[in-house]
Structure formats: C-alpha cells, structure tokens
Amino acid sequence: MSRQILIVDDSRLSRMISRQYVLSLHSDWQIAEAATGEQAIEMAAVNPPYLILLDVNMPGMGGLEAAAVLRKSHPDTHIVLLTANVQNSVQAAAEQLGIGFLSKPIIEAQIHDMLNKLEQTP
C-alpha cells in the first residue's frame, strides 16, 4: 500500500537521507518535503500524510510548535521528531504531544524499526 510521507527539516541533506531510508524499505511510498514548520502545516492541509518526520530546530516555527498544530489538525497522522536536540525537556514535550522521538544522527535501522512498528499499530 502506497502511503504519503512528509519530511520536514531545514537541512536538505537530512531530508535526502530520511527519504532514502524510507524508500529503501517502501519504494512505492510518496514523499513530500518541507523546510519549515509553516510549510509542513500548509502541505499537510492540502494532502494529509500518513507520517510526518519532523526536525525540532528550524528557522521560523520550530518542530515542537508545528507538531502541536499538526496534532490538532491531523489527530490520526503519525508524527515523529527526528532531532539532535535530545534534551529531556524535548523528549517530554514529544511524549506529552503523543508523538514519537528519534535522535540524530539517524541511521537506516532506526527508520526501518520505526516504520515497522507504525505498520503494526492498528
């Protein structure tokens, strides 16, 4: 089953790596990219994704703020933070929002494990 994924990160390289890791497991999935939280919100409104991979530290609206908005407007969408900001407060905020958390640098096995767990969730 083809699914829509939205990768949000101000680093083009990080978006490319995340894209590659997702497609290595699910080559038929459609991937859109955004560089800011504001772009993510706009894009999700037009085409609600199955999963949003979201960086925390970005110019403009950061990932946690964007995640809060996206969680309200898309309660069934899976949201996972991908960030080098591994402070306890960031992890606690992710947990409070009911979203996932993966620390950078991301490796392929982390992405595959996360995707496999999501697909087993009803």
PDB file of N, CA and C in Angstrom:
ATOM      1  N   MET A   1       0.852  -1.178   0.000  1.00  0.00           N
ATOM      2  CA  MET A   1       0.000   0.000   0.000  1.00  0.00           C
ATOM      3  C   MET A   1       0.899   1.242   0.000  1.00  0.00           C
ATOM      4  N   SER A   2       0.678   2.115  -0.958  1.00  0.00           N
ATOM      5  CA  SER A   2       1.444   3.351  -1.046  1.00  0.00           C
ATOM      6  C   SER A   2       0.915   4.352  -0.021  1.00  0.00           C
ATOM      7  N   ARG A   3       1.822   5.000   0.652  1.00  0.00           N
ATOM      8  CA  ARG A   3       1.444   5.983   1.671  1.00  0.00           C
ATOM      9  C   ARG A   3       2.162   7.298   1.401  1.00  0.00           C
ATOM     10  N   GLN A   4       1.591   8.368   1.936  1.00  0.00           N
ATOM     11  CA  GLN A   4       2.170   9.707   1.807  1.00  0.00           C
ATOM     12  C   GLN A   4       2.952  10.042   3.067  1.00  0.00           C
ATOM     13  N   ILE A   5       4.228  10.430   2.885  1.00  0.00           N
ATOM     14  CA  ILE A   5       5.096  10.810   3.987  1.00  0.00           C
ATOM     15  C   ILE A   5       5.523  12.256   3.777  1.00  0.00           C
ATOM     16  N   LEU A   6       5.601  13.014   4.848  1.00  0.00           N
ATOM     17  CA  LEU A   6       6.091  14.391   4.794  1.00  0.00           C
ATOM     18  C   LEU A   6       7.331  14.481   5.671  1.00  0.00           C
ATOM     19  N   ILE A   7       8.461  14.841   5.042  1.00  0.00           N
ATOM     20  CA  ILE A   7       9.717  15.014   5.765  1.00  0.00           C
ATOM     21  C   ILE A   7       9.969  16.504   5.914  1.00  0.00           C
ATOM     22  N   VAL A   8      10.126  16.956   7.159  1.00  0.00           N
ATOM     23  CA  VAL A   8      10.271  18.382   7.456  1.00  0.00           C
ATOM     24  C   VAL A   8      11.601  18.616   8.160  1.00  0.00           C
ATOM     25  N   ASP A   9      12.495  19.320   7.484  1.00  0.00           N
ATOM     26  CA  ASP A   9      13.810  19.610   8.052  1.00  0.00           C
ATOM     27  C   ASP A   9      14.403  20.756   7.244  1.00  0.00           C
ATOM     28  N   ASP A  10      15.039  21.704   7.927  1.00  0.00           N
ATOM     29  CA  ASP A  10      15.647  22.814   7.197  1.00  0.00           C
ATOM     30  C   ASP A  10      16.930  22.383   6.489  1.00  0.00           C
ATOM     31  N   SER A  11      17.455  21.208   6.813  1.00  0.00           N
ATOM     32  CA  SER A  11      18.648  20.682   6.155  1.00  0.00           C
ATOM     33  C   SER A  11      18.239  19.805   4.969  1.00  0.00           C
ATOM     34  N   ARG A  12      18.617  20.237   3.783  1.00  0.00           N
ATOM     35  CA  ARG A  12      18.310  19.448   2.578  1.00  0.00           C
ATOM     36  C   ARG A  12      18.949  18.063   2.672  1.00  0.00           C
ATOM     37  N   LEU A  13      20.168  18.006   3.190  1.00  0.00           N
ATOM     38  CA  LEU A  13      20.856  16.728   3.327  1.00  0.00           C
ATOM     39  C   LEU A  13      20.091  15.788   4.264  1.00  0.00           C
ATOM     40  N   SER A  14      19.619  16.297   5.381  1.00  0.00           N
ATOM     41  CA  SER A  14      18.838  15.465   6.306  1.00  0.00           C
ATOM     42  C   SER A  14      17.567  14.954   5.645  1.00  0.00           C
ATOM     43  N   ARG A  15      16.906  15.809   4.857  1.00  0.00           N
ATOM     44  CA  ARG A  15      15.699  15.360   4.142  1.00  0.00           C
ATOM     45  C   ARG A  15      16.042  14.250   3.147  1.00  0.00           C
ATOM     46  N   MET A  16      17.157  14.411   2.435  1.00  0.00           N
ATOM     47  CA  MET A  16      17.569  13.408   1.451  1.00  0.00           C
ATOM     48  C   MET A  16      17.880  12.067   2.115  1.00  0.00           C
ATOM     49  N   ILE A  17      18.546  12.109   3.254  1.00  0.00           N
ATOM     50  CA  ILE A  17      18.883  10.874   3.967  1.00  0.00           C
ATOM     51  C   ILE A  17      17.622  10.177   4.464  1.00  0.00           C
ATOM     52  N   SER A  18      16.719  10.942   5.083  1.00  0.00           N
ATOM     53  CA  SER A  18      15.462  10.354   5.570  1.00  0.00           C
ATOM     54  C   SER A  18      14.667   9.759   4.415  1.00  0.00           C
ATOM     55  N   ARG A  19      14.610  10.486   3.298  1.00  0.00           N
ATOM     56  CA  ARG A  19      13.908   9.996   2.095  1.00  0.00           C
ATOM     57  C   ARG A  19      14.494   8.660   1.656  1.00  0.00           C
ATOM     58  N   GLN A  20      15.802   8.607   1.563  1.00  0.00           N
ATOM     59  CA  GLN A  20      16.482   7.393   1.107  1.00  0.00           C
ATOM     60  C   GLN A  20      16.164   6.216   2.026  1.00  0.00           C
ATOM     61  N   TYR A  21      16.183   6.440   3.330  1.00  0.00           N
ATOM     62  CA  TYR A  21      15.924   5.361   4.277  1.00  0.00           C
ATOM     63  C   TYR A  21      14.480   4.866   4.201  1.00  0.00           C
ATOM     64  N   VAL A  22      13.535   5.775   4.045  1.00  0.00           N
ATOM     65  CA  VAL A  22      12.131   5.364   3.917  1.00  0.00           C
ATOM     66  C   VAL A  22      11.945   4.567   2.627  1.00  0.00           C
ATOM     67  N   LEU A  23      12.466   5.096   1.520  1.00  0.00           N
ATOM     68  CA  LEU A  23      12.283   4.431   0.229  1.00  0.00           C
ATOM     69  C   LEU A  23      13.019   3.101   0.134  1.00  0.00           C
ATOM     70  N   SER A  24      14.078   2.916   0.915  1.00  0.00           N
ATOM     71  CA  SER A  24      14.785   1.638   0.888  1.00  0.00           C
ATOM     72  C   SER A  24      13.920   0.513   1.452  1.00  0.00           C
ATOM     73  N   LEU A  25      12.939   0.862   2.267  1.00  0.00           N
ATOM     74  CA  LEU A  25      12.010  -0.126   2.822  1.00  0.00           C
ATOM     75  C   LEU A  25      10.690  -0.141   2.063  1.00  0.00           C
ATOM     76  N   HIS A  26      10.247   1.029   1.600  1.00  0.00           N
ATOM     77  CA  HIS A  26       8.956   1.165   0.916  1.00  0.00           C
ATOM     78  C   HIS A  26       9.131   2.017  -0.337  1.00  0.00           C
ATOM     79  N   SER A  27       9.593   1.414  -1.398  1.00  0.00           N
ATOM     80  CA  SER A  27       9.911   2.156  -2.621  1.00  0.00           C
ATOM     81  C   SER A  27       8.685   2.767  -3.293  1.00  0.00           C
ATOM     82  N   ASP A  28       7.497   2.301  -2.949  1.00  0.00           N
ATOM     83  CA  ASP A  28       6.278   2.826  -3.572  1.00  0.00           C
ATOM     84  C   ASP A  28       5.643   3.989  -2.792  1.00  0.00           C
ATOM     85  N   TRP A  29       6.184   4.337  -1.629  1.00  0.00           N
ATOM     86  CA  TRP A  29       5.603   5.423  -0.842  1.00  0.00           C
ATOM     87  C   TRP A  29       5.928   6.767  -1.476  1.00  0.00           C
ATOM     88  N   GLN A  30       5.013   7.702  -1.370  1.00  0.00           N
ATOM     89  CA  GLN A  30       5.176   9.045  -1.902  1.00  0.00           C
ATOM     90  C   GLN A  30       5.740   9.941  -0.804  1.00  0.00           C
ATOM     91  N   ILE A  31       6.770  10.698  -1.132  1.00  0.00           N
ATOM     92  CA  ILE A  31       7.418  11.541  -0.126  1.00  0.00           C
ATOM     93  C   ILE A  31       7.417  12.989  -0.573  1.00  0.00           C
ATOM     94  N   ALA A  32       6.895  13.840   0.294  1.00  0.00           N
ATOM     95  CA  ALA A  32       6.941  15.287   0.095  1.00  0.00           C
ATOM     96  C   ALA A  32       7.922  15.849   1.113  1.00  0.00           C
ATOM     97  N   GLU A  33       8.459  17.023   0.803  1.00  0.00           N
ATOM     98  CA  GLU A  33       9.442  17.631   1.696  1.00  0.00           C
ATOM     99  C   GLU A  33       9.077  19.074   1.989  1.00  0.00           C
ATOM    100  N   ALA A  34       9.379  19.494   3.200  1.00  0.00           N
ATOM    101  CA  ALA A  34       9.202  20.885   3.626  1.00  0.00           C
ATOM    102  C   ALA A  34      10.436  21.291   4.425  1.00  0.00           C
ATOM    103  N   ALA A  35      10.765  22.578   4.364  1.00  0.00           N
ATOM    104  CA  ALA A  35      11.949  23.084   5.064  1.00  0.00           C
ATOM    105  C   ALA A  35      11.609  23.828   6.344  1.00  0.00           C
ATOM    106  N   THR A  36      10.313  24.074   6.588  1.00  0.00           N
ATOM    107  CA  THR A  36       9.902  24.819   7.780  1.00  0.00           C
ATOM    108  C   THR A  36       8.612  24.230   8.350  1.00  0.00           C
ATOM    109  N   GLY A  37       8.347  24.556   9.597  1.00  0.00           N
ATOM    110  CA  GLY A  37       7.096  24.131  10.217  1.00  0.00           C
ATOM    111  C   GLY A  37       5.885  24.721   9.518  1.00  0.00           C
ATOM    112  N   GLU A  38       6.014  25.977   9.089  1.00  0.00           N
ATOM    113  CA  GLU A  38       4.898  26.631   8.388  1.00  0.00           C
ATOM    114  C   GLU A  38       4.564  25.901   7.084  1.00  0.00           C
ATOM    115  N   GLN A  39       5.607  25.531   6.336  1.00  0.00           N
ATOM    116  CA  GLN A  39       5.384  24.791   5.085  1.00  0.00           C
ATOM    117  C   GLN A  39       4.727  23.441   5.366  1.00  0.00           C
ATOM    118  N   ALA A  40       5.155  22.786   6.428  1.00  0.00           N
ATOM    119  CA  ALA A  40       4.593  21.486   6.786  1.00  0.00           C
ATOM    120  C   ALA A  40       3.095  21.589   7.048  1.00  0.00           C
ATOM    121  N   ILE A  41       2.695  22.605   7.787  1.00  0.00           N
ATOM    122  CA  ILE A  41       1.280  22.793   8.102  1.00  0.00           C
ATOM    123  C   ILE A  41       0.471  23.041   6.837  1.00  0.00           C
ATOM    124  N   GLU A  42       0.997  23.879   5.951  1.00  0.00           N
ATOM    125  CA  GLU A  42       0.318  24.158   4.674  1.00  0.00           C
ATOM    126  C   GLU A  42       0.205  22.900   3.822  1.00  0.00           C
ATOM    127  N   MET A  43       1.286  22.155   3.706  1.00  0.00           N
ATOM    128  CA  MET A  43       1.285  20.951   2.873  1.00  0.00           C
ATOM    129  C   MET A  43       0.372  19.870   3.436  1.00  0.00           C
ATOM    130  N   ALA A  44       0.370  19.699   4.755  1.00  0.00           N
ATOM    131  CA  ALA A  44      -0.486  18.686   5.379  1.00  0.00           C
ATOM    132  C   ALA A  44      -1.964  19.026   5.217  1.00  0.00           C
ATOM    133  N   ALA A  45      -2.274  20.318   5.155  1.00  0.00           N
ATOM    134  CA  ALA A  45      -3.673  20.731   4.964  1.00  0.00           C
ATOM    135  C   ALA A  45      -4.176  20.340   3.582  1.00  0.00           C
ATOM    136  N   VAL A  46      -3.292  20.359   2.599  1.00  0.00           N
ATOM    137  CA  VAL A  46      -3.666  20.033   1.213  1.00  0.00           C
ATOM    138  C   VAL A  46      -3.686  18.524   0.994  1.00  0.00           C
ATOM    139  N   ASN A  47      -2.699  17.835   1.531  1.00  0.00           N
ATOM    140  CA  ASN A  47      -2.573  16.397   1.332  1.00  0.00           C
ATOM    141  C   ASN A  47      -2.150  15.744   2.654  1.00  0.00           C
ATOM    142  N   PRO A  48      -3.111  15.388   3.500  1.00  0.00           N
ATOM    143  CA  PRO A  48      -2.773  14.837   4.811  1.00  0.00           C
ATOM    144  C   PRO A  48      -1.918  13.573   4.703  1.00  0.00           C
ATOM    145  N   PRO A  49      -0.754  13.585   5.330  1.00  0.00           N
ATOM    146  CA  PRO A  49       0.141  12.430   5.232  1.00  0.00           C
ATOM    147  C   PRO A  49      -0.179  11.347   6.261  1.00  0.00           C
ATOM    148  N   TYR A  50       0.317  10.170   5.981  1.00  0.00           N
ATOM    149  CA  TYR A  50       0.269   9.047   6.920  1.00  0.00           C
ATOM    150  C   TYR A  50       1.265   9.285   8.052  1.00  0.00           C
ATOM    151  N   LEU A  51       2.427   9.866   7.696  1.00  0.00           N
ATOM    152  CA  LEU A  51       3.508  10.056   8.646  1.00  0.00           C
ATOM    153  C   LEU A  51       4.213  11.373   8.364  1.00  0.00           C
ATOM    154  N   ILE A  52       4.559  12.090   9.438  1.00  0.00           N
ATOM    155  CA  ILE A  52       5.377  13.302   9.331  1.00  0.00           C
ATOM    156  C   ILE A  52       6.639  13.079  10.155  1.00  0.00           C
ATOM    157  N   LEU A  53       7.791  13.192   9.488  1.00  0.00           N
ATOM    158  CA  LEU A  53       9.090  13.160  10.160  1.00  0.00           C
ATOM    159  C   LEU A  53       9.512  14.606  10.310  1.00  0.00           C
ATOM    160  N   LEU A  54       9.741  15.051  11.530  1.00  0.00           N
ATOM    161  CA  LEU A  54       9.825  16.474  11.822  1.00  0.00           C
ATOM    162  C   LEU A  54      11.054  16.826  12.652  1.00  0.00           C
ATOM    163  N   ASP A  55      11.893  17.707  12.109  1.00  0.00           N
ATOM    164  CA  ASP A  55      13.042  18.226  12.849  1.00  0.00           C
ATOM    165  C   ASP A  55      12.533  19.202  13.907  1.00  0.00           C
ATOM    166  N   VAL A  56      13.312  19.407  14.964  1.00  0.00           N
ATOM    167  CA  VAL A  56      12.909  20.330  16.028  1.00  0.00           C
ATOM    168  C   VAL A  56      13.417  21.744  15.764  1.00  0.00           C
ATOM    169  N   ASN A  57      14.706  21.882  15.503  1.00  0.00           N
ATOM    170  CA  ASN A  57      15.315  23.206  15.349  1.00  0.00           C
ATOM    171  C   ASN A  57      15.314  23.639  13.888  1.00  0.00           C
ATOM    172  N   MET A  58      14.400  24.564  13.576  1.00  0.00           N
ATOM    173  CA  MET A  58      14.282  25.108  12.225  1.00  0.00           C
ATOM    174  C   MET A  58      14.011  26.600  12.335  1.00  0.00           C
ATOM    175  N   PRO A  59      14.355  27.354  11.285  1.00  0.00           N
ATOM    176  CA  PRO A  59      14.003  28.777  11.296  1.00  0.00           C
ATOM    177  C   PRO A  59      12.478  28.945  11.292  1.00  0.00           C
ATOM    178  N   GLY A  60      12.020  30.033  11.863  1.00  0.00           N
ATOM    179  CA  GLY A  60      10.570  30.252  11.926  1.00  0.00           C
ATOM    180  C   GLY A  60       9.969  29.335  12.967  1.00  0.00           C
ATOM    181  N   MET A  61       8.879  28.693  12.619  1.00  0.00           N
ATOM    182  CA  MET A  61       8.192  27.788  13.535  1.00  0.00           C
ATOM    183  C   MET A  61       9.005  26.517  13.723  1.00  0.00           C
ATOM    184  N   GLY A  62       9.365  26.234  14.953  1.00  0.00           N
ATOM    185  CA  GLY A  62      10.129  25.038  15.252  1.00  0.00           C
ATOM    186  C   GLY A  62       9.265  23.792  15.198  1.00  0.00           C
ATOM    187  N   GLY A  63       9.919  22.658  15.295  1.00  0.00           N
ATOM    188  CA  GLY A  63       9.236  21.386  15.161  1.00  0.00           C
ATOM    189  C   GLY A  63       8.219  21.089  16.246  1.00  0.00           C
ATOM    190  N   LEU A  64       8.517  21.449  17.486  1.00  0.00           N
ATOM    191  CA  LEU A  64       7.544  21.180  18.554  1.00  0.00           C
ATOM    192  C   LEU A  64       6.279  22.000  18.383  1.00  0.00           C
ATOM    193  N   GLU A  65       6.440  23.268  18.009  1.00  0.00           N
ATOM    194  CA  GLU A  65       5.266  24.113  17.779  1.00  0.00           C
ATOM    195  C   GLU A  65       4.458  23.598  16.592  1.00  0.00           C
ATOM    196  N   ALA A  66       5.160  23.235  15.521  1.00  0.00           N
ATOM    197  CA  ALA A  66       4.475  22.688  14.345  1.00  0.00           C
ATOM    198  C   ALA A  66       3.780  21.373  14.690  1.00  0.00           C
ATOM    199  N   ALA A  67       4.434  20.534  15.486  1.00  0.00           N
ATOM    200  CA  ALA A  67       3.839  19.257  15.882  1.00  0.00           C
ATOM    201  C   ALA A  67       2.541  19.466  16.656  1.00  0.00           C
ATOM    202  N   ALA A  68       2.517  20.466  17.523  1.00  0.00           N
ATOM    203  CA  ALA A  68       1.298  20.749  18.293  1.00  0.00           C
ATOM    204  C   ALA A  68       0.156  21.146  17.377  1.00  0.00           C
ATOM    205  N   VAL A  69       0.445  21.982  16.384  1.00  0.00           N
ATOM    206  CA  VAL A  69      -0.581  22.402  15.418  1.00  0.00           C
ATOM    207  C   VAL A  69      -1.021  21.209  14.581  1.00  0.00           C
ATOM    208  N   LEU A  70      -0.058  20.438  14.086  1.00  0.00           N
ATOM    209  CA  LEU A  70      -0.372  19.287  13.241  1.00  0.00           C
ATOM    210  C   LEU A  70      -1.136  18.217  14.011  1.00  0.00           C
ATOM    211  N   ARG A  71      -0.819  18.019  15.271  1.00  0.00           N
ATOM    212  CA  ARG A  71      -1.518  17.020  16.080  1.00  0.00           C
ATOM    213  C   ARG A  71      -2.996  17.377  16.198  1.00  0.00           C
ATOM    214  N   LYS A  72      -3.290  18.684  16.376  1.00  0.00           N
ATOM    215  CA  LYS A  72      -4.688  19.122  16.493  1.00  0.00           C
ATOM    216  C   LYS A  72      -5.433  18.980  15.167  1.00  0.00           C
ATOM    217  N   SER A  73      -4.791  19.365  14.074  1.00  0.00           N
ATOM    218  CA  SER A  73      -5.478  19.341  12.775  1.00  0.00           C
ATOM    219  C   SER A  73      -5.473  17.960  12.123  1.00  0.00           C
ATOM    220  N   HIS A  74      -4.549  17.095  12.513  1.00  0.00           N
ATOM    221  CA  HIS A  74      -4.436  15.749  11.922  1.00  0.00           C
ATOM    222  C   HIS A  74      -4.199  14.723  13.034  1.00  0.00           C
ATOM    223  N   PRO A  75      -5.211  14.471  13.855  1.00  0.00           N
ATOM    224  CA  PRO A  75      -5.014  13.609  15.032  1.00  0.00           C
ATOM    225  C   PRO A  75      -4.625  12.174  14.701  1.00  0.00           C
ATOM    226  N   ASP A  76      -4.931  11.693  13.494  1.00  0.00           N
ATOM    227  CA  ASP A  76      -4.619  10.312  13.142  1.00  0.00           C
ATOM    228  C   ASP A  76      -3.278  10.154  12.426  1.00  0.00           C
ATOM    229  N   THR A  77      -2.631  11.261  12.113  1.00  0.00           N
ATOM    230  CA  THR A  77      -1.340  11.214  11.433  1.00  0.00           C
ATOM    231  C   THR A  77      -0.246  10.868  12.436  1.00  0.00           C
ATOM    232  N   HIS A  78       0.637   9.965  12.049  1.00  0.00           N
ATOM    233  CA  HIS A  78       1.795   9.640  12.883  1.00  0.00           C
ATOM    234  C   HIS A  78       2.806  10.772  12.740  1.00  0.00           C
ATOM    235  N   ILE A  79       3.325  11.254  13.852  1.00  0.00           N
ATOM    236  CA  ILE A  79       4.335  12.307  13.850  1.00  0.00           C
ATOM    237  C   ILE A  79       5.520  11.817  14.673  1.00  0.00           C
ATOM    238  N   VAL A  80       6.710  11.932  14.090  1.00  0.00           N
ATOM    239  CA  VAL A  80       7.931  11.511  14.775  1.00  0.00           C
ATOM    240  C   VAL A  80       8.961  12.620  14.654  1.00  0.00           C
ATOM    241  N   LEU A  81       9.483  13.061  15.790  1.00  0.00           N
ATOM    242  CA  LEU A  81      10.560  14.049  15.787  1.00  0.00           C
ATOM    243  C   LEU A  81      11.868  13.348  15.452  1.00  0.00           C
ATOM    244  N   LEU A  82      12.634  13.934  14.554  1.00  0.00           N
ATOM    245  CA  LEU A  82      13.987  13.478  14.237  1.00  0.00           C
ATOM    246  C   LEU A  82      14.895  14.643  14.583  1.00  0.00           C
ATOM    247  N   THR A  83      15.657  14.527  15.653  1.00  0.00           N
ATOM    248  CA  THR A  83      16.400  15.695  16.105  1.00  0.00           C
ATOM    249  C   THR A  83      17.688  15.344  16.834  1.00  0.00           C
ATOM    250  N   ALA A  84      18.641  16.249  16.727  1.00  0.00           N
ATOM    251  CA  ALA A  84      19.868  16.141  17.507  1.00  0.00           C
ATOM    252  C   ALA A  84      19.664  16.749  18.895  1.00  0.00           C
ATOM    253  N   ASN A  85      18.546  17.430  19.100  1.00  0.00           N
ATOM    254  CA  ASN A  85      18.218  18.064  20.375  1.00  0.00           C
ATOM    255  C   ASN A  85      17.584  17.003  21.285  1.00  0.00           C
ATOM    256  N   VAL A  86      18.430  16.310  22.037  1.00  0.00           N
ATOM    257  CA  VAL A  86      17.961  15.163  22.823  1.00  0.00           C
ATOM    258  C   VAL A  86      17.749  15.493  24.299  1.00  0.00           C
ATOM    259  N   GLN A  87      17.547  16.759  24.590  1.00  0.00           N
ATOM    260  CA  GLN A  87      17.300  17.159  25.972  1.00  0.00           C
ATOM    261  C   GLN A  87      16.041  16.477  26.503  1.00  0.00           C
ATOM    262  N   ASN A  88      16.048  16.225  27.801  1.00  0.00           N
ATOM    263  CA  ASN A  88      14.881  15.594  28.426  1.00  0.00           C
ATOM    264  C   ASN A  88      13.613  16.400  28.201  1.00  0.00           C
ATOM    265  N   SER A  89      13.728  17.729  28.183  1.00  0.00           N
ATOM    266  CA  SER A  89      12.537  18.560  28.000  1.00  0.00           C
ATOM    267  C   SER A  89      11.925  18.361  26.614  1.00  0.00           C
ATOM    268  N   VAL A  90      12.754  18.145  25.605  1.00  0.00           N
ATOM    269  CA  VAL A  90      12.241  17.910  24.248  1.00  0.00           C
ATOM    270  C   VAL A  90      11.555  16.552  24.188  1.00  0.00           C
ATOM    271  N   GLN A  91      12.179  15.559  24.781  1.00  0.00           N
ATOM    272  CA  GLN A  91      11.576  14.226  24.805  1.00  0.00           C
ATOM    273  C   GLN A  91      10.267  14.225  25.589  1.00  0.00           C
ATOM    274  N   ALA A  92      10.224  14.961  26.687  1.00  0.00           N
ATOM    275  CA  ALA A  92       8.999  15.058  27.488  1.00  0.00           C
ATOM    276  C   ALA A  92       7.901  15.769  26.704  1.00  0.00           C
ATOM    277  N   ALA A  93       8.259  16.816  25.966  1.00  0.00           N
ATOM    278  CA  ALA A  93       7.278  17.533  25.148  1.00  0.00           C
ATOM    279  C   ALA A  93       6.724  16.623  24.056  1.00  0.00           C
ATOM    280  N   ALA A  94       7.579  15.823  23.453  1.00  0.00           N
ATOM    281  CA  ALA A  94       7.128  14.877  22.428  1.00  0.00           C
ATOM    282  C   ALA A  94       6.147  13.873  23.026  1.00  0.00           C
ATOM    283  N   GLU A  95       6.491  13.367  24.194  1.00  0.00           N
ATOM    284  CA  GLU A  95       5.611  12.405  24.862  1.00  0.00           C
ATOM    285  C   GLU A  95       4.269  13.035  25.209  1.00  0.00           C
ATOM    286  N   GLN A  96       4.300  14.274  25.684  1.00  0.00           N
ATOM    287  CA  GLN A  96       3.063  14.970  26.046  1.00  0.00           C
ATOM    288  C   GLN A  96       2.168  15.176  24.819  1.00  0.00           C
ATOM    289  N   LEU A  97       2.786  15.408  23.656  1.00  0.00           N
ATOM    290  CA  LEU A  97       2.023  15.587  22.416  1.00  0.00           C
ATOM    291  C   LEU A  97       1.573  14.253  21.808  1.00  0.00           C
ATOM    292  N   GLY A  98       2.090  13.156  22.341  1.00  0.00           N
ATOM    293  CA  GLY A  98       1.744  11.844  21.803  1.00  0.00           C
ATOM    294  C   GLY A  98       2.425  11.559  20.475  1.00  0.00           C
ATOM    295  N   ILE A  99       3.659  12.031  20.343  1.00  0.00           N
ATOM    296  CA  ILE A  99       4.394  11.823  19.101  1.00  0.00           C
ATOM    297  C   ILE A  99       5.693  11.080  19.398  1.00  0.00           C
ATOM    298  N   GLY A 100       6.273  10.485  18.359  1.00  0.00           N
ATOM    299  CA  GLY A 100       7.496   9.723  18.508  1.00  0.00           C
ATOM    300  C   GLY A 100       8.727  10.613  18.570  1.00  0.00           C
ATOM    301  N   PHE A 101       9.852   9.993  18.911  1.00  0.00           N
ATOM    302  CA  PHE A 101      11.104  10.727  19.053  1.00  0.00           C
ATOM    303  C   PHE A 101      12.249   9.825  18.630  1.00  0.00           C
ATOM    304  N   LEU A 102      13.065  10.288  17.689  1.00  0.00           N
ATOM    305  CA  LEU A 102      14.293   9.607  17.292  1.00  0.00           C
ATOM    306  C   LEU A 102      15.418  10.621  17.285  1.00  0.00           C
ATOM    307  N   SER A 103      16.565  10.222  17.822  1.00  0.00           N
ATOM    308  CA  SER A 103      17.692  11.151  17.883  1.00  0.00           C
ATOM    309  C   SER A 103      18.574  11.033  16.640  1.00  0.00           C
ATOM    310  N   LYS A 104      19.080  12.192  16.206  1.00  0.00           N
ATOM    311  CA  LYS A 104      20.031  12.242  15.099  1.00  0.00           C
ATOM    312  C   LYS A 104      21.426  12.015  15.666  1.00  0.00           C
ATOM    313  N   PRO A 105      22.343  11.499  14.917  1.00  0.00           N
ATOM    314  CA  PRO A 105      22.186  11.183  13.501  1.00  0.00           C
ATOM    315  C   PRO A 105      21.338   9.928  13.313  1.00  0.00           C
ATOM    316  N   ILE A 106      20.457  10.002  12.352  1.00  0.00           N
ATOM    317  CA  ILE A 106      19.554   8.899  12.047  1.00  0.00           C
ATOM    318  C   ILE A 106      20.313   7.842  11.247  1.00  0.00           C
ATOM    319  N   ILE A 107      20.047   6.593  11.591  1.00  0.00           N
ATOM    320  CA  ILE A 107      20.583   5.509  10.784  1.00  0.00           C
ATOM    321  C   ILE A 107      19.413   4.733  10.182  1.00  0.00           C
ATOM    322  N   GLU A 108      19.700   4.034   9.117  1.00  0.00           N
ATOM    323  CA  GLU A 108      18.651   3.330   8.377  1.00  0.00           C
ATOM    324  C   GLU A 108      17.862   2.373   9.261  1.00  0.00           C
ATOM    325  N   ALA A 109      18.549   1.669  10.139  1.00  0.00           N
ATOM    326  CA  ALA A 109      17.866   0.699  11.009  1.00  0.00           C
ATOM    327  C   ALA A 109      16.834   1.379  11.912  1.00  0.00           C
ATOM    328  N   GLN A 110      17.130   2.593  12.383  1.00  0.00           N
ATOM    329  CA  GLN A 110      16.165   3.327  13.227  1.00  0.00           C
ATOM    330  C   GLN A 110      14.887   3.620  12.446  1.00  0.00           C
ATOM    331  N   ILE A 111      15.056   4.094  11.225  1.00  0.00           N
ATOM    332  CA  ILE A 111      13.894   4.426  10.386  1.00  0.00           C
ATOM    333  C   ILE A 111      13.095   3.163  10.085  1.00  0.00           C
ATOM    334  N   HIS A 112      13.769   2.090   9.710  1.00  0.00           N
ATOM    335  CA  HIS A 112      13.069   0.843   9.398  1.00  0.00           C
ATOM    336  C   HIS A 112      12.325   0.310  10.615  1.00  0.00           C
ATOM    337  N   ASP A 113      12.955   0.345  11.782  1.00  0.00           N
ATOM    338  CA  ASP A 113      12.311  -0.120  13.006  1.00  0.00           C
ATOM    339  C   ASP A 113      11.064   0.711  13.312  1.00  0.00           C
ATOM    340  N   MET A 114      11.199   2.038  13.201  1.00  0.00           N
ATOM    341  CA  MET A 114      10.065   2.926  13.459  1.00  0.00           C
ATOM    342  C   MET A 114       8.926   2.659  12.475  1.00  0.00           C
ATOM    343  N   LEU A 115       9.246   2.505  11.191  1.00  0.00           N
ATOM    344  CA  LEU A 115       8.216   2.251  10.186  1.00  0.00           C
ATOM    345  C   LEU A 115       7.530   0.903  10.426  1.00  0.00           C
ATOM    346  N   ASN A 116       8.295  -0.112  10.760  1.00  0.00           N
ATOM    347  CA  ASN A 116       7.710  -1.417  11.036  1.00  0.00           C
ATOM    348  C   ASN A 116       6.778  -1.376  12.238  1.00  0.00           C
ATOM    349  N   LYS A 117       7.152  -0.637  13.288  1.00  0.00           N
ATOM    350  CA  LYS A 117       6.291  -0.505  14.466  1.00  0.00           C
ATOM    351  C   LYS A 117       4.997   0.229  14.110  1.00  0.00           C
ATOM    352  N   LEU A 118       5.098   1.293  13.293  1.00  0.00           N
ATOM    353  CA  LEU A 118       3.907   2.039  12.900  1.00  0.00           C
ATOM    354  C   LEU A 118       2.938   1.171  12.114  1.00  0.00           C
ATOM    355  N   GLU A 119       3.467   0.341  11.247  1.00  0.00           N
ATOM    356  CA  GLU A 119       2.612  -0.501  10.421  1.00  0.00           C
ATOM    357  C   GLU A 119       1.918  -1.592  11.222  1.00  0.00           C
ATOM    358  N   GLN A 120       2.448  -1.922  12.392  1.00  0.00           N
ATOM    359  CA  GLN A 120       1.819  -2.923  13.255  1.00  0.00           C
ATOM    360  C   GLN A 120       0.788  -2.305  14.187  1.00  0.00           C
ATOM    361  N   THR A 121       0.739  -0.961  14.210  1.00  0.00           N
ATOM    362  CA  THR A 121      -0.219  -0.255  15.062  1.00  0.00           C
ATOM    363  C   THR A 121      -1.571  -0.209  14.357  1.00  0.00           C
ATOM    364  N   PRO A 122      -2.631  -0.578  15.049  1.00  0.00           N
ATOM    365  CA  PRO A 122      -3.954  -0.538  14.404  1.00  0.00           C
ATOM    366  C   PRO A 122      -4.417   0.858  14.083  1.00  0.00           C
TER     367      PRO A 122
END
